[in-house]
């Protein structure tokens, strides 16, 4: 299965995967992030129920505070 994450192809999964599983694989599960799947922004409560299919395009933005 092929997912594009921030412009990079990810083939680590053999079957559809939930957004939360992708975040765990990328070691981003505990960080504040904003996620867009196929040009649709997700609310964090949607991560565990959003299933990424083959060919999905995912954009992940890490939220950082600064001043």
C-alpha atoms as a PDB file:
ATOM      1  CA  UNK A   1       0.000   0.000   0.000  1.00  0.00           C
ATOM      2  CA  UNK A   2       1.267   3.466  -0.895  1.00  0.00           C
ATOM      3  CA  UNK A   3       0.557   6.664   1.066  1.00  0.00           C
ATOM      4  CA  UNK A   4       2.186  10.001   0.272  1.00  0.00           C
ATOM      5  CA  UNK A   5       3.152  11.889   3.436  1.00  0.00           C
ATOM      6  CA  UNK A   6       4.403  15.449   3.030  1.00  0.00           C
ATOM      7  CA  UNK A   7       5.451  14.661  -0.522  1.00  0.00           C
ATOM      8  CA  UNK A   8       7.321  11.448   0.396  1.00  0.00           C
ATOM      9  CA  UNK A   9       6.044   7.992  -0.510  1.00  0.00           C
ATOM     10  CA  UNK A  10       5.433   5.722   2.498  1.00  0.00           C
ATOM     11  CA  UNK A  11       5.047   1.989   1.839  1.00  0.00           C
ATOM     12  CA  UNK A  12       5.386   0.767   5.430  1.00  0.00           C
ATOM     13  CA  UNK A  13       1.831  -0.601   5.562  1.00  0.00           C
ATOM     14  CA  UNK A  14       0.352  -3.605   3.753  1.00  0.00           C
ATOM     15  CA  UNK A  15      -3.291  -2.639   4.253  1.00  0.00           C
ATOM     16  CA  UNK A  16      -5.355   0.491   4.944  1.00  0.00           C
ATOM     17  CA  UNK A  17      -4.238   2.231   8.129  1.00  0.00           C
ATOM     18  CA  UNK A  18      -5.822   4.690  10.540  1.00  0.00           C
ATOM     19  CA  UNK A  19      -4.311   8.151  10.926  1.00  0.00           C
ATOM     20  CA  UNK A  20      -3.385   7.335  14.541  1.00  0.00           C
ATOM     21  CA  UNK A  21      -1.364   4.312  13.370  1.00  0.00           C
ATOM     22  CA  UNK A  22       0.462   6.447  10.820  1.00  0.00           C
ATOM     23  CA  UNK A  23       1.301   8.996  13.513  1.00  0.00           C
ATOM     24  CA  UNK A  24       2.657   6.226  15.748  1.00  0.00           C
ATOM     25  CA  UNK A  25       4.804   4.848  12.920  1.00  0.00           C
ATOM     26  CA  UNK A  26       6.199   8.333  12.276  1.00  0.00           C
ATOM     27  CA  UNK A  27       6.753   8.900  16.039  1.00  0.00           C
ATOM     28  CA  UNK A  28       4.399  11.893  15.996  1.00  0.00           C
ATOM     29  CA  UNK A  29       1.590  10.432  18.122  1.00  0.00           C
ATOM     30  CA  UNK A  30       2.377  12.547  21.183  1.00  0.00           C
ATOM     31  CA  UNK A  31       3.123  15.799  19.359  1.00  0.00           C
ATOM     32  CA  UNK A  32       0.625  18.522  18.449  1.00  0.00           C
ATOM     33  CA  UNK A  33      -0.016  18.221  14.716  1.00  0.00           C
ATOM     34  CA  UNK A  34      -2.490  19.374  12.093  1.00  0.00           C
ATOM     35  CA  UNK A  35      -3.418  16.748   9.499  1.00  0.00           C
ATOM     36  CA  UNK A  36      -4.917  17.034   6.058  1.00  0.00           C
ATOM     37  CA  UNK A  37      -5.974  13.943   4.100  1.00  0.00           C
ATOM     38  CA  UNK A  38      -6.693  14.351   0.408  1.00  0.00           C
ATOM     39  CA  UNK A  39      -7.020  18.137   0.896  1.00  0.00           C
ATOM     40  CA  UNK A  40      -9.491  17.825   3.798  1.00  0.00           C
ATOM     41  CA  UNK A  41      -8.377  19.036   7.241  1.00  0.00           C
ATOM     42  CA  UNK A  42      -9.144  16.671  10.105  1.00  0.00           C
ATOM     43  CA  UNK A  43     -10.114  17.436  13.675  1.00  0.00           C
ATOM     44  CA  UNK A  44      -7.949  15.471  16.166  1.00  0.00           C
ATOM     45  CA  UNK A  45     -10.974  13.469  17.301  1.00  0.00           C
ATOM     46  CA  UNK A  46     -11.216  12.137  13.704  1.00  0.00           C
ATOM     47  CA  UNK A  47      -7.687  10.647  13.669  1.00  0.00           C
ATOM     48  CA  UNK A  48      -8.644   7.276  15.208  1.00  0.00           C
ATOM     49  CA  UNK A  49     -11.601   6.811  12.831  1.00  0.00           C
ATOM     50  CA  UNK A  50     -10.040   8.069   9.588  1.00  0.00           C
ATOM     51  CA  UNK A  51      -8.835   5.151   7.481  1.00  0.00           C
ATOM     52  CA  UNK A  52      -6.135   5.935   4.929  1.00  0.00           C
ATOM     53  CA  UNK A  53      -6.591   4.018   1.701  1.00  0.00           C
ATOM     54  CA  UNK A  54      -4.009   3.192  -0.953  1.00  0.00           C
ATOM     55  CA  UNK A  55      -2.982   6.386  -2.749  1.00  0.00           C
ATOM     56  CA  UNK A  56      -3.984   8.748   0.073  1.00  0.00           C
ATOM     57  CA  UNK A  57      -2.149  12.065   0.204  1.00  0.00           C
ATOM     58  CA  UNK A  58      -1.427  13.188   3.746  1.00  0.00           C
ATOM     59  CA  UNK A  59       0.025  16.500   4.888  1.00  0.00           C
ATOM     60  CA  UNK A  60       1.239  16.716   8.487  1.00  0.00           C
ATOM     61  CA  UNK A  61       2.163  20.029  10.083  1.00  0.00           C
ATOM     62  CA  UNK A  62       3.823  20.082  13.472  1.00  0.00           C
ATOM     63  CA  UNK A  63       2.566  22.841  15.746  1.00  0.00           C
ATOM     64  CA  UNK A  64       5.360  24.740  17.500  1.00  0.00           C
ATOM     65  CA  UNK A  65       5.105  27.616  19.939  1.00  0.00           C
ATOM     66  CA  UNK A  66       7.592  30.405  19.834  1.00  0.00           C
ATOM     67  CA  UNK A  67       8.037  34.039  20.335  1.00  0.00           C
END
